[in-house]
């Protein structure tokens, strides 16, 4: 009976340690500034798109080629 209790306790501690280690990896560091994961607003419609997918035209960032051709939104 004592061995079974000790084995169960060892398994619980091992599971706790593994979960704790995995949880630390998932949190990770935030993406660096200027990375592809950074969201930028389209200068025409305001839609947020990842910087890596944004179209650049006339100094502005756009969500699509069509909005890049239209240019910034006018008030």
C-alpha atoms as a PDB file:
ATOM      1  CA  UNK A   1       0.000   0.000   0.000  1.00  0.00           C
ATOM      2  CA  UNK A   2       2.831   2.409   0.867  1.00  0.00           C
ATOM      3  CA  UNK A   3       4.602   1.764  -2.455  1.00  0.00           C
ATOM      4  CA  UNK A   4       1.423   2.470  -4.411  1.00  0.00           C
ATOM      5  CA  UNK A   5       0.901   5.770  -2.591  1.00  0.00           C
ATOM      6  CA  UNK A   6       4.530   6.770  -3.200  1.00  0.00           C
ATOM      7  CA  UNK A   7       4.244   5.864  -6.906  1.00  0.00           C
ATOM      8  CA  UNK A   8       1.022   7.869  -7.279  1.00  0.00           C
ATOM      9  CA  UNK A   9       2.641  10.874  -5.615  1.00  0.00           C
ATOM     10  CA  UNK A  10       5.690  10.608  -7.909  1.00  0.00           C
ATOM     11  CA  UNK A  11       3.442  10.484 -10.999  1.00  0.00           C
ATOM     12  CA  UNK A  12       1.492  13.547  -9.834  1.00  0.00           C
ATOM     13  CA  UNK A  13       4.690  15.518  -9.241  1.00  0.00           C
ATOM     14  CA  UNK A  14       6.011  14.499 -12.676  1.00  0.00           C
ATOM     15  CA  UNK A  15       2.778  15.566 -14.403  1.00  0.00           C
ATOM     16  CA  UNK A  16       2.824  18.878 -12.535  1.00  0.00           C
ATOM     17  CA  UNK A  17       6.438  19.543 -13.584  1.00  0.00           C
ATOM     18  CA  UNK A  18       5.738  18.728 -17.247  1.00  0.00           C
ATOM     19  CA  UNK A  19       2.642  20.948 -17.362  1.00  0.00           C
ATOM     20  CA  UNK A  20       4.547  23.789 -15.718  1.00  0.00           C
ATOM     21  CA  UNK A  21       7.379  23.512 -18.253  1.00  0.00           C
ATOM     22  CA  UNK A  22       4.969  23.438 -21.204  1.00  0.00           C
ATOM     23  CA  UNK A  23       3.003  26.412 -19.893  1.00  0.00           C
ATOM     24  CA  UNK A  24       6.214  28.474 -19.738  1.00  0.00           C
ATOM     25  CA  UNK A  25       7.015  27.696 -23.378  1.00  0.00           C
ATOM     26  CA  UNK A  26       3.531  28.638 -24.610  1.00  0.00           C
ATOM     27  CA  UNK A  27       3.655  32.082 -23.021  1.00  0.00           C
ATOM     28  CA  UNK A  28       6.870  32.932 -24.865  1.00  0.00           C
ATOM     29  CA  UNK A  29       8.154  36.405 -25.521  1.00  0.00           C
ATOM     30  CA  UNK A  30       6.051  38.985 -27.332  1.00  0.00           C
ATOM     31  CA  UNK A  31       6.925  39.475 -31.002  1.00  0.00           C
ATOM     32  CA  UNK A  32       9.641  42.015 -31.707  1.00  0.00           C
ATOM     33  CA  UNK A  33       8.648  45.423 -33.058  1.00  0.00           C
ATOM     34  CA  UNK A  34       8.512  45.464 -36.830  1.00  0.00           C
ATOM     35  CA  UNK A  35       7.923  41.741 -37.105  1.00  0.00           C
ATOM     36  CA  UNK A  36       5.378  40.170 -39.445  1.00  0.00           C
ATOM     37  CA  UNK A  37       3.016  39.576 -36.482  1.00  0.00           C
ATOM     38  CA  UNK A  38       2.662  43.317 -35.825  1.00  0.00           C
ATOM     39  CA  UNK A  39      -0.740  44.628 -36.948  1.00  0.00           C
ATOM     40  CA  UNK A  40      -1.005  47.838 -38.955  1.00  0.00           C
ATOM     41  CA  UNK A  41      -4.092  49.760 -40.039  1.00  0.00           C
ATOM     42  CA  UNK A  42      -4.976  50.177 -43.707  1.00  0.00           C
ATOM     43  CA  UNK A  43      -4.688  53.882 -44.615  1.00  0.00           C
ATOM     44  CA  UNK A  44      -7.897  53.612 -46.673  1.00  0.00           C
ATOM     45  CA  UNK A  45     -10.346  51.502 -44.631  1.00  0.00           C
ATOM     46  CA  UNK A  46      -8.649  51.081 -41.244  1.00  0.00           C
ATOM     47  CA  UNK A  47      -8.626  47.263 -41.384  1.00  0.00           C
ATOM     48  CA  UNK A  48      -5.852  45.736 -39.254  1.00  0.00           C
ATOM     49  CA  UNK A  49      -3.530  43.463 -41.230  1.00  0.00           C
ATOM     50  CA  UNK A  50      -0.189  41.849 -40.346  1.00  0.00           C
ATOM     51  CA  UNK A  51       2.700  44.100 -41.394  1.00  0.00           C
ATOM     52  CA  UNK A  52       4.103  41.306 -43.576  1.00  0.00           C
ATOM     53  CA  UNK A  53       0.894  41.201 -45.648  1.00  0.00           C
ATOM     54  CA  UNK A  54       0.353  44.961 -45.953  1.00  0.00           C
ATOM     55  CA  UNK A  55       0.847  46.704 -49.317  1.00  0.00           C
ATOM     56  CA  UNK A  56       3.065  49.794 -49.251  1.00  0.00           C
ATOM     57  CA  UNK A  57       2.245  52.687 -51.570  1.00  0.00           C
ATOM     58  CA  UNK A  58       2.977  56.417 -51.383  1.00  0.00           C
ATOM     59  CA  UNK A  59       4.267  56.070 -47.831  1.00  0.00           C
ATOM     60  CA  UNK A  60       1.074  54.398 -46.556  1.00  0.00           C
ATOM     61  CA  UNK A  61       0.183  50.826 -45.639  1.00  0.00           C
ATOM     62  CA  UNK A  62      -2.870  49.199 -47.221  1.00  0.00           C
ATOM     63  CA  UNK A  63      -4.795  45.942 -46.853  1.00  0.00           C
ATOM     64  CA  UNK A  64      -5.057  45.282 -50.604  1.00  0.00           C
ATOM     65  CA  UNK A  65      -3.773  46.416 -53.983  1.00  0.00           C
ATOM     66  CA  UNK A  66      -7.151  48.051 -54.687  1.00  0.00           C
ATOM     67  CA  UNK A  67      -6.936  50.223 -51.576  1.00  0.00           C
ATOM     68  CA  UNK A  68      -3.292  51.045 -52.374  1.00  0.00           C
ATOM     69  CA  UNK A  69      -4.464  52.353 -55.785  1.00  0.00           C
ATOM     70  CA  UNK A  70      -7.279  54.379 -54.136  1.00  0.00           C
ATOM     71  CA  UNK A  71      -4.899  55.947 -51.648  1.00  0.00           C
ATOM     72  CA  UNK A  72      -5.705  57.258 -48.169  1.00  0.00           C
ATOM     73  CA  UNK A  73      -9.289  57.848 -47.158  1.00  0.00           C
ATOM     74  CA  UNK A  74     -10.447  61.391 -47.659  1.00  0.00           C
ATOM     75  CA  UNK A  75     -12.649  63.047 -45.057  1.00  0.00           C
END
